[in-house]
PDB file of N, CA and C in Angstrom:
ATOM      1  N   MET A   1     -84.841 -74.130   5.652  1.00  0.00           N
ATOM      2  CA  MET A   1     -85.092 -74.834   4.412  1.00  0.00           C
ATOM      3  C   MET A   1     -84.421 -76.202   4.425  1.00  0.00           C
ATOM      4  N   GLU A   2     -84.622 -76.961   5.456  1.00  0.00           N
ATOM      5  CA  GLU A   2     -84.022 -78.281   5.547  1.00  0.00           C
ATOM      6  C   GLU A   2     -84.982 -79.336   5.043  1.00  0.00           C
ATOM      7  N   GLY A   3     -84.416 -80.460   4.592  1.00  0.00           N
ATOM      8  CA  GLY A   3     -85.238 -81.576   4.167  1.00  0.00           C
ATOM      9  C   GLY A   3     -85.822 -81.380   2.782  1.00  0.00           C
ATOM     10  N   HIS A   4     -86.861 -82.130   2.519  1.00  0.00           N
ATOM     11  CA  HIS A   4     -87.515 -82.109   1.217  1.00  0.00           C
ATOM     12  C   HIS A   4     -88.337 -80.829   1.040  1.00  0.00           C
ATOM     13  N   LEU A   5     -88.174 -80.192  -0.104  1.00  0.00           N
ATOM     14  CA  LEU A   5     -88.945 -78.989  -0.406  1.00  0.00           C
ATOM     15  C   LEU A   5     -89.992 -79.312  -1.456  1.00  0.00           C
ATOM     16  N   ASP A   6     -91.209 -78.893  -1.220  1.00  0.00           N
ATOM     17  CA  ASP A   6     -92.265 -79.066  -2.208  1.00  0.00           C
ATOM     18  C   ASP A   6     -91.930 -78.208  -3.412  1.00  0.00           C
ATOM     19  N   ALA A   7     -91.990 -78.797  -4.609  1.00  0.00           N
ATOM     20  CA  ALA A   7     -91.605 -78.091  -5.827  1.00  0.00           C
ATOM     21  C   ALA A   7     -92.485 -76.890  -6.115  1.00  0.00           C
ATOM     22  N   LYS A   8     -93.640 -76.789  -5.500  1.00  0.00           N
ATOM     23  CA  LYS A   8     -94.531 -75.670  -5.744  1.00  0.00           C
ATOM     24  C   LYS A   8     -94.317 -74.529  -4.747  1.00  0.00           C
ATOM     25  N   SER A   9     -93.481 -74.729  -3.758  1.00  0.00           N
ATOM     26  CA  SER A   9     -93.376 -73.767  -2.674  1.00  0.00           C
ATOM     27  C   SER A   9     -92.436 -72.612  -2.998  1.00  0.00           C
ATOM     28  N   ARG A  10     -92.651 -71.527  -2.291  1.00  0.00           N
ATOM     29  CA  ARG A  10     -91.767 -70.367  -2.423  1.00  0.00           C
ATOM     30  C   ARG A  10     -90.379 -70.704  -1.902  1.00  0.00           C
ATOM     31  N   GLU A  11     -90.316 -71.586  -0.907  1.00  0.00           N
ATOM     32  CA  GLU A  11     -89.029 -71.977  -0.353  1.00  0.00           C
ATOM     33  C   GLU A  11     -88.185 -72.701  -1.398  1.00  0.00           C
ATOM     34  N   TYR A  12     -88.827 -73.513  -2.231  1.00  0.00           N
ATOM     35  CA  TYR A  12     -88.131 -74.216  -3.309  1.00  0.00           C
ATOM     36  C   TYR A  12     -87.501 -73.216  -4.259  1.00  0.00           C
ATOM     37  N   VAL A  13     -88.277 -72.226  -4.669  1.00  0.00           N
ATOM     38  CA  VAL A  13     -87.778 -71.207  -5.590  1.00  0.00           C
ATOM     39  C   VAL A  13     -86.645 -70.425  -4.929  1.00  0.00           C
ATOM     40  N   ALA A  14     -86.846 -70.014  -3.687  1.00  0.00           N
ATOM     41  CA  ALA A  14     -85.818 -69.252  -2.976  1.00  0.00           C
ATOM     42  C   ALA A  14     -84.531 -70.064  -2.815  1.00  0.00           C
ATOM     43  N   ALA A  15     -84.659 -71.343  -2.520  1.00  0.00           N
ATOM     44  CA  ALA A  15     -83.483 -72.202  -2.365  1.00  0.00           C
ATOM     45  C   ALA A  15     -82.703 -72.303  -3.666  1.00  0.00           C
ATOM     46  N   HIS A  16     -83.403 -72.409  -4.784  1.00  0.00           N
ATOM     47  CA  HIS A  16     -82.718 -72.516  -6.065  1.00  0.00           C
ATOM     48  C   HIS A  16     -82.111 -71.189  -6.512  1.00  0.00           C
ATOM     49  N   VAL A  17     -82.736 -70.088  -6.186  1.00  0.00           N
ATOM     50  CA  VAL A  17     -82.138 -68.786  -6.496  1.00  0.00           C
ATOM     51  C   VAL A  17     -80.860 -68.602  -5.669  1.00  0.00           C
ATOM     52  N   LEU A  18     -80.908 -68.979  -4.398  1.00  0.00           N
ATOM     53  CA  LEU A  18     -79.721 -68.910  -3.548  1.00  0.00           C
ATOM     54  C   LEU A  18     -78.627 -69.836  -4.076  1.00  0.00           C
ATOM     55  N   GLU A  19     -79.012 -71.039  -4.473  1.00  0.00           N
ATOM     56  CA  GLU A  19     -78.048 -71.982  -5.041  1.00  0.00           C
ATOM     57  C   GLU A  19     -77.391 -71.390  -6.284  1.00  0.00           C
ATOM     58  N   ALA A  20     -78.180 -70.751  -7.127  1.00  0.00           N
ATOM     59  CA  ALA A  20     -77.647 -70.134  -8.348  1.00  0.00           C
ATOM     60  C   ALA A  20     -76.635 -69.041  -8.003  1.00  0.00           C
ATOM     61  N   ALA A  21     -76.943 -68.230  -7.009  1.00  0.00           N
ATOM     62  CA  ALA A  21     -76.031 -67.157  -6.613  1.00  0.00           C
ATOM     63  C   ALA A  21     -74.713 -67.717  -6.081  1.00  0.00           C
ATOM     64  N   VAL A  22     -74.797 -68.741  -5.253  1.00  0.00           N
ATOM     65  CA  VAL A  22     -73.591 -69.350  -4.688  1.00  0.00           C
ATOM     66  C   VAL A  22     -72.749 -69.981  -5.789  1.00  0.00           C
ATOM     67  N   GLU A  23     -73.391 -70.717  -6.682  1.00  0.00           N
ATOM     68  CA  GLU A  23     -72.666 -71.363  -7.782  1.00  0.00           C
ATOM     69  C   GLU A  23     -72.015 -70.319  -8.687  1.00  0.00           C
ATOM     70  N   ALA A  24     -72.693 -69.219  -8.952  1.00  0.00           N
ATOM     71  CA  ALA A  24     -72.131 -68.162  -9.788  1.00  0.00           C
ATOM     72  C   ALA A  24     -70.915 -67.525  -9.124  1.00  0.00           C
ATOM     73  N   GLU A  25     -70.973 -67.314  -7.815  1.00  0.00           N
ATOM     74  CA  GLU A  25     -69.820 -66.770  -7.094  1.00  0.00           C
ATOM     75  C   GLU A  25     -68.640 -67.727  -7.150  1.00  0.00           C
ATOM     76  N   LEU A  26     -68.916 -69.024  -6.993  1.00  0.00           N
ATOM     77  CA  LEU A  26     -67.845 -70.019  -7.094  1.00  0.00           C
ATOM     78  C   LEU A  26     -67.245 -70.035  -8.497  1.00  0.00           C
ATOM     79  N   ALA A  27     -68.097 -69.927  -9.502  1.00  0.00           N
ATOM     80  CA  ALA A  27     -67.620 -69.905 -10.884  1.00  0.00           C
ATOM     81  C   ALA A  27     -66.708 -68.708 -11.120  1.00  0.00           C
ATOM     82  N   GLU A  28     -67.104 -67.566 -10.608  1.00  0.00           N
ATOM     83  CA  GLU A  28     -66.286 -66.359 -10.775  1.00  0.00           C
ATOM     84  C   GLU A  28     -64.928 -66.514 -10.086  1.00  0.00           C
ATOM     85  N   GLU A  29     -64.931 -67.053  -8.884  1.00  0.00           N
ATOM     86  CA  GLU A  29     -63.679 -67.253  -8.158  1.00  0.00           C
ATOM     87  C   GLU A  29     -62.768 -68.235  -8.893  1.00  0.00           C
ATOM     88  N   MET A  30     -63.334 -69.312  -9.384  1.00  0.00           N
ATOM     89  CA  MET A  30     -62.531 -70.301 -10.104  1.00  0.00           C
ATOM     90  C   MET A  30     -61.982 -69.729 -11.402  1.00  0.00           C
ATOM     91  N   LEU A  31     -62.771 -68.897 -12.053  1.00  0.00           N
ATOM     92  CA  LEU A  31     -62.326 -68.255 -13.285  1.00  0.00           C
ATOM     93  C   LEU A  31     -61.129 -67.340 -13.013  1.00  0.00           C
ATOM     94  N   LYS A  32     -61.194 -66.601 -11.919  1.00  0.00           N
ATOM     95  CA  LYS A  32     -60.075 -65.722 -11.541  1.00  0.00           C
ATOM     96  C   LYS A  32     -58.804 -66.511 -11.278  1.00  0.00           C
ATOM     97  N   ARG A  33     -58.950 -67.745 -10.799  1.00  0.00           N
ATOM     98  CA  ARG A  33     -57.791 -68.586 -10.492  1.00  0.00           C
ATOM     99  C   ARG A  33     -57.317 -69.402 -11.695  1.00  0.00           C
ATOM    100  N   GLY A  34     -57.985 -69.242 -12.829  1.00  0.00           N
ATOM    101  CA  GLY A  34     -57.583 -69.956 -14.034  1.00  0.00           C
ATOM    102  C   GLY A  34     -58.103 -71.375 -14.126  1.00  0.00           C
ATOM    103  N   LEU A  35     -59.060 -71.731 -13.307  1.00  0.00           N
ATOM    104  CA  LEU A  35     -59.646 -73.074 -13.325  1.00  0.00           C
ATOM    105  C   LEU A  35     -60.859 -73.065 -14.258  1.00  0.00           C
ATOM    106  N   TYR A  36     -60.590 -73.051 -15.530  1.00  0.00           N
ATOM    107  CA  TYR A  36     -61.636 -72.816 -16.527  1.00  0.00           C
ATOM    108  C   TYR A  36     -62.682 -73.928 -16.594  1.00  0.00           C
ATOM    109  N   GLN A  37     -62.267 -75.174 -16.543  1.00  0.00           N
ATOM    110  CA  GLN A  37     -63.222 -76.280 -16.601  1.00  0.00           C
ATOM    111  C   GLN A  37     -64.133 -76.273 -15.381  1.00  0.00           C
ATOM    112  N   ASN A  38     -63.535 -76.077 -14.216  1.00  0.00           N
ATOM    113  CA  ASN A  38     -64.336 -76.023 -12.992  1.00  0.00           C
ATOM    114  C   ASN A  38     -65.286 -74.833 -13.004  1.00  0.00           C
ATOM    115  N   ALA A  39     -64.803 -73.697 -13.509  1.00  0.00           N
ATOM    116  CA  ALA A  39     -65.644 -72.503 -13.591  1.00  0.00           C
ATOM    117  C   ALA A  39     -66.819 -72.738 -14.529  1.00  0.00           C
ATOM    118  N   ALA A  40     -66.572 -73.404 -15.639  1.00  0.00           N
ATOM    119  CA  ALA A  40     -67.647 -73.707 -16.587  1.00  0.00           C
ATOM    120  C   ALA A  40     -68.678 -74.642 -15.961  1.00  0.00           C
ATOM    121  N   ASP A  41     -68.212 -75.628 -15.215  1.00  0.00           N
ATOM    122  CA  ASP A  41     -69.128 -76.541 -14.532  1.00  0.00           C
ATOM    123  C   ASP A  41     -70.001 -75.793 -13.527  1.00  0.00           C
ATOM    124  N   ARG A  42     -69.391 -74.908 -12.755  1.00  0.00           N
ATOM    125  CA  ARG A  42     -70.145 -74.133 -11.756  1.00  0.00           C
ATOM    126  C   ARG A  42     -71.109 -73.163 -12.429  1.00  0.00           C
ATOM    127  N   ALA A  43     -70.708 -72.571 -13.531  1.00  0.00           N
ATOM    128  CA  ALA A  43     -71.603 -71.664 -14.253  1.00  0.00           C
ATOM    129  C   ALA A  43     -72.816 -72.429 -14.779  1.00  0.00           C
ATOM    130  N   PHE A  44     -72.588 -73.645 -15.261  1.00  0.00           N
ATOM    131  CA  PHE A  44     -73.691 -74.477 -15.725  1.00  0.00           C
ATOM    132  C   PHE A  44     -74.636 -74.802 -14.580  1.00  0.00           C
ATOM    133  N   MET A  45     -74.087 -75.137 -13.419  1.00  0.00           N
ATOM    134  CA  MET A  45     -74.919 -75.454 -12.261  1.00  0.00           C
ATOM    135  C   MET A  45     -75.726 -74.227 -11.821  1.00  0.00           C
ATOM    136  N   ALA A  46     -75.129 -73.046 -11.914  1.00  0.00           N
ATOM    137  CA  ALA A  46     -75.847 -71.817 -11.560  1.00  0.00           C
ATOM    138  C   ALA A  46     -77.006 -71.594 -12.523  1.00  0.00           C
ATOM    139  N   PHE A  47     -76.747 -71.777 -13.807  1.00  0.00           N
ATOM    140  CA  PHE A  47     -77.801 -71.610 -14.810  1.00  0.00           C
ATOM    141  C   PHE A  47     -78.920 -72.621 -14.596  1.00  0.00           C
ATOM    142  N   LYS A  48     -78.554 -73.873 -14.323  1.00  0.00           N
ATOM    143  CA  LYS A  48     -79.550 -74.922 -14.094  1.00  0.00           C
ATOM    144  C   LYS A  48     -80.440 -74.594 -12.896  1.00  0.00           C
ATOM    145  N   ALA A  49     -79.837 -74.150 -11.812  1.00  0.00           N
ATOM    146  CA  ALA A  49     -80.611 -73.814 -10.613  1.00  0.00           C
ATOM    147  C   ALA A  49     -81.546 -72.635 -10.880  1.00  0.00           C
ATOM    148  N   LEU A  50     -81.044 -71.627 -11.590  1.00  0.00           N
ATOM    149  CA  LEU A  50     -81.878 -70.466 -11.892  1.00  0.00           C
ATOM    150  C   LEU A  50     -83.010 -70.836 -12.846  1.00  0.00           C
ATOM    151  N   ALA A  51     -82.711 -71.653 -13.844  1.00  0.00           N
ATOM    152  CA  ALA A  51     -83.753 -72.094 -14.777  1.00  0.00           C
ATOM    153  C   ALA A  51     -84.826 -72.890 -14.051  1.00  0.00           C
ATOM    154  N   SER A  52     -84.416 -73.747 -13.124  1.00  0.00           N
ATOM    155  CA  SER A  52     -85.366 -74.525 -12.343  1.00  0.00           C
ATOM    156  C   SER A  52     -86.282 -73.618 -11.533  1.00  0.00           C
ATOM    157  N   ALA A  53     -85.705 -72.613 -10.893  1.00  0.00           N
ATOM    158  CA  ALA A  53     -86.511 -71.668 -10.103  1.00  0.00           C
ATOM    159  C   ALA A  53     -87.485 -70.902 -10.988  1.00  0.00           C
ATOM    160  N   LEU A  54     -87.029 -70.485 -12.159  1.00  0.00           N
ATOM    161  CA  LEU A  54     -87.907 -69.737 -13.064  1.00  0.00           C
ATOM    162  C   LEU A  54     -89.058 -70.597 -13.584  1.00  0.00           C
ATOM    163  N   VAL A  55     -88.756 -71.840 -13.938  1.00  0.00           N
ATOM    164  CA  VAL A  55     -89.814 -72.727 -14.436  1.00  0.00           C
ATOM    165  C   VAL A  55     -90.857 -72.966 -13.360  1.00  0.00           C
ATOM    166  N   VAL A  56     -90.419 -73.255 -12.147  1.00  0.00           N
ATOM    167  CA  VAL A  56     -91.370 -73.525 -11.071  1.00  0.00           C
ATOM    168  C   VAL A  56     -92.187 -72.282 -10.741  1.00  0.00           C
ATOM    169  N   SER A  57     -91.544 -71.123 -10.727  1.00  0.00           N
ATOM    170  CA  SER A  57     -92.277 -69.900 -10.385  1.00  0.00           C
ATOM    171  C   SER A  57     -93.274 -69.497 -11.471  1.00  0.00           C
ATOM    172  N   ARG A  58     -93.043 -69.923 -12.711  1.00  0.00           N
ATOM    173  CA  ARG A  58     -93.937 -69.583 -13.823  1.00  0.00           C
ATOM    174  C   ARG A  58     -94.688 -70.806 -14.341  1.00  0.00           C
ATOM    175  N   LEU A  59     -94.844 -71.814 -13.507  1.00  0.00           N
ATOM    176  CA  LEU A  59     -95.453 -73.075 -13.925  1.00  0.00           C
ATOM    177  C   LEU A  59     -96.873 -72.895 -14.442  1.00  0.00           C
ATOM    178  N   GLU A  60     -97.634 -72.017 -13.839  1.00  0.00           N
ATOM    179  CA  GLU A  60     -99.011 -71.795 -14.279  1.00  0.00           C
ATOM    180  C   GLU A  60     -99.065 -71.331 -15.726  1.00  0.00           C
ATOM    181  N   ASP A  61     -98.127 -70.485 -16.115  1.00  0.00           N
ATOM    182  CA  ASP A  61     -98.090 -69.986 -17.490  1.00  0.00           C
ATOM    183  C   ASP A  61     -97.561 -71.034 -18.465  1.00  0.00           C
ATOM    184  N   LEU A  62     -96.633 -71.855 -18.003  1.00  0.00           N
ATOM    185  CA  LEU A  62     -96.005 -72.843 -18.875  1.00  0.00           C
ATOM    186  C   LEU A  62     -96.876 -74.082 -19.096  1.00  0.00           C
ATOM    187  N   ALA A  63     -97.594 -74.500 -18.078  1.00  0.00           N
ATOM    188  CA  ALA A  63     -98.362 -75.742 -18.135  1.00  0.00           C
ATOM    189  C   ALA A  63     -99.854 -75.429 -18.139  1.00  0.00           C
ATOM    190  N   ARG A  64    -100.363 -75.139 -19.289  1.00  0.00           N
ATOM    191  CA  ARG A  64    -101.777 -74.756 -19.377  1.00  0.00           C
ATOM    192  C   ARG A  64    -102.706 -75.951 -19.432  1.00  0.00           C
ATOM    193  N   GLY A  65    -102.258 -77.071 -19.947  1.00  0.00           N
ATOM    194  CA  GLY A  65    -103.084 -78.273 -19.992  1.00  0.00           C
ATOM    195  C   GLY A  65    -102.653 -79.261 -18.916  1.00  0.00           C
ATOM    196  N   GLU A  66    -103.540 -80.182 -18.575  1.00  0.00           N
ATOM    197  CA  GLU A  66    -103.230 -81.162 -17.522  1.00  0.00           C
ATOM    198  C   GLU A  66    -102.044 -82.044 -17.914  1.00  0.00           C
ATOM    199  N   ARG A  67    -101.991 -82.440 -19.177  1.00  0.00           N
ATOM    200  CA  ARG A  67    -100.899 -83.297 -19.629  1.00  0.00           C
ATOM    201  C   ARG A  67     -99.563 -82.560 -19.561  1.00  0.00           C
ATOM    202  N   ARG A  68     -99.544 -81.289 -19.973  1.00  0.00           N
ATOM    203  CA  ARG A  68     -98.336 -80.478 -19.894  1.00  0.00           C
ATOM    204  C   ARG A  68     -97.922 -80.233 -18.452  1.00  0.00           C
ATOM    205  N   ARG A  69     -98.894 -80.008 -17.589  1.00  0.00           N
ATOM    206  CA  ARG A  69     -98.611 -79.789 -16.168  1.00  0.00           C
ATOM    207  C   ARG A  69     -97.947 -81.026 -15.567  1.00  0.00           C
ATOM    208  N   GLU A  70     -98.470 -82.211 -15.870  1.00  0.00           N
ATOM    209  CA  GLU A  70     -97.882 -83.444 -15.352  1.00  0.00           C
ATOM    210  C   GLU A  70     -96.443 -83.588 -15.821  1.00  0.00           C
ATOM    211  N   TRP A  71     -96.192 -83.289 -17.106  1.00  0.00           N
ATOM    212  CA  TRP A  71     -94.839 -83.389 -17.632  1.00  0.00           C
ATOM    213  C   TRP A  71     -93.911 -82.408 -16.922  1.00  0.00           C
ATOM    214  N   CYS A  72     -94.359 -81.185 -16.751  1.00  0.00           N
ATOM    215  CA  CYS A  72     -93.535 -80.171 -16.078  1.00  0.00           C
ATOM    216  C   CYS A  72     -93.208 -80.578 -14.654  1.00  0.00           C
ATOM    217  N   MET A  73     -94.160 -81.140 -13.954  1.00  0.00           N
ATOM    218  CA  MET A  73     -93.920 -81.540 -12.571  1.00  0.00           C
ATOM    219  C   MET A  73     -92.994 -82.755 -12.481  1.00  0.00           C
ATOM    220  N   LYS A  74     -93.011 -83.631 -13.476  1.00  0.00           N
ATOM    221  CA  LYS A  74     -92.169 -84.815 -13.455  1.00  0.00           C
ATOM    222  C   LYS A  74     -90.773 -84.543 -14.016  1.00  0.00           C
ATOM    223  N   VAL A  75     -90.703 -83.785 -15.108  1.00  0.00           N
ATOM    224  CA  VAL A  75     -89.450 -83.659 -15.842  1.00  0.00           C
ATOM    225  C   VAL A  75     -89.033 -82.214 -16.079  1.00  0.00           C
ATOM    226  N   GLY A  76     -89.984 -81.335 -16.278  1.00  0.00           N
ATOM    227  CA  GLY A  76     -89.701 -80.000 -16.790  1.00  0.00           C
ATOM    228  C   GLY A  76     -88.737 -79.158 -16.002  1.00  0.00           C
ATOM    229  N   TYR A  77     -88.707 -79.253 -14.701  1.00  0.00           N
ATOM    230  CA  TYR A  77     -87.810 -78.415 -13.920  1.00  0.00           C
ATOM    231  C   TYR A  77     -86.657 -79.199 -13.316  1.00  0.00           C
ATOM    232  N   ALA A  78     -86.620 -80.483 -13.547  1.00  0.00           N
ATOM    233  CA  ALA A  78     -85.589 -81.329 -12.952  1.00  0.00           C
ATOM    234  C   ALA A  78     -84.532 -81.677 -14.001  1.00  0.00           C
ATOM    235  N   ALA A  79     -83.758 -80.698 -14.402  1.00  0.00           N
ATOM    236  CA  ALA A  79     -82.700 -80.923 -15.379  1.00  0.00           C
ATOM    237  C   ALA A  79     -81.602 -81.770 -14.748  1.00  0.00           C
ATOM    238  N   PRO A  80     -80.875 -82.534 -15.568  1.00  0.00           N
ATOM    239  CA  PRO A  80     -79.792 -83.344 -15.011  1.00  0.00           C
ATOM    240  C   PRO A  80     -78.717 -82.468 -14.389  1.00  0.00           C
ATOM    241  N   ALA A  81     -78.006 -82.997 -13.427  1.00  0.00           N
ATOM    242  CA  ALA A  81     -76.993 -82.231 -12.705  1.00  0.00           C
ATOM    243  C   ALA A  81     -75.699 -82.063 -13.497  1.00  0.00           C
ATOM    244  N   LYS A  82     -75.462 -82.904 -14.464  1.00  0.00           N
ATOM    245  CA  LYS A  82     -74.233 -82.825 -15.261  1.00  0.00           C
ATOM    246  C   LYS A  82     -74.594 -82.584 -16.714  1.00  0.00           C
ATOM    247  N   ALA A  83     -73.711 -81.920 -17.434  1.00  0.00           N
ATOM    248  CA  ALA A  83     -73.954 -81.631 -18.849  1.00  0.00           C
ATOM    249  C   ALA A  83     -73.864 -82.909 -19.681  1.00  0.00           C
ATOM    250  N   CYS A  84     -73.083 -83.885 -19.242  1.00  0.00           N
ATOM    251  CA  CYS A  84     -72.967 -85.135 -20.007  1.00  0.00           C
ATOM    252  C   CYS A  84     -73.009 -86.329 -19.095  1.00  0.00           C
TER     253      CYS A  84
END
């Protein structure tokens, strides 16, 4: 899974699910060490990656019209990397 991944591909979804799992594990480890801010940041990144994978995998159901589909492909699954 190196390089650019097509947003419609199974590899894209799999990469984001894996990213979510890794980020969640990091969040749990940081939480155990008392690093609450870092843990919260990692938990947010895990949620973002999982949400992105879910949106892409269910794009057909979410984007029923051409205009909605274009929006989803441009913006809908590409949430910002930081909360602020």
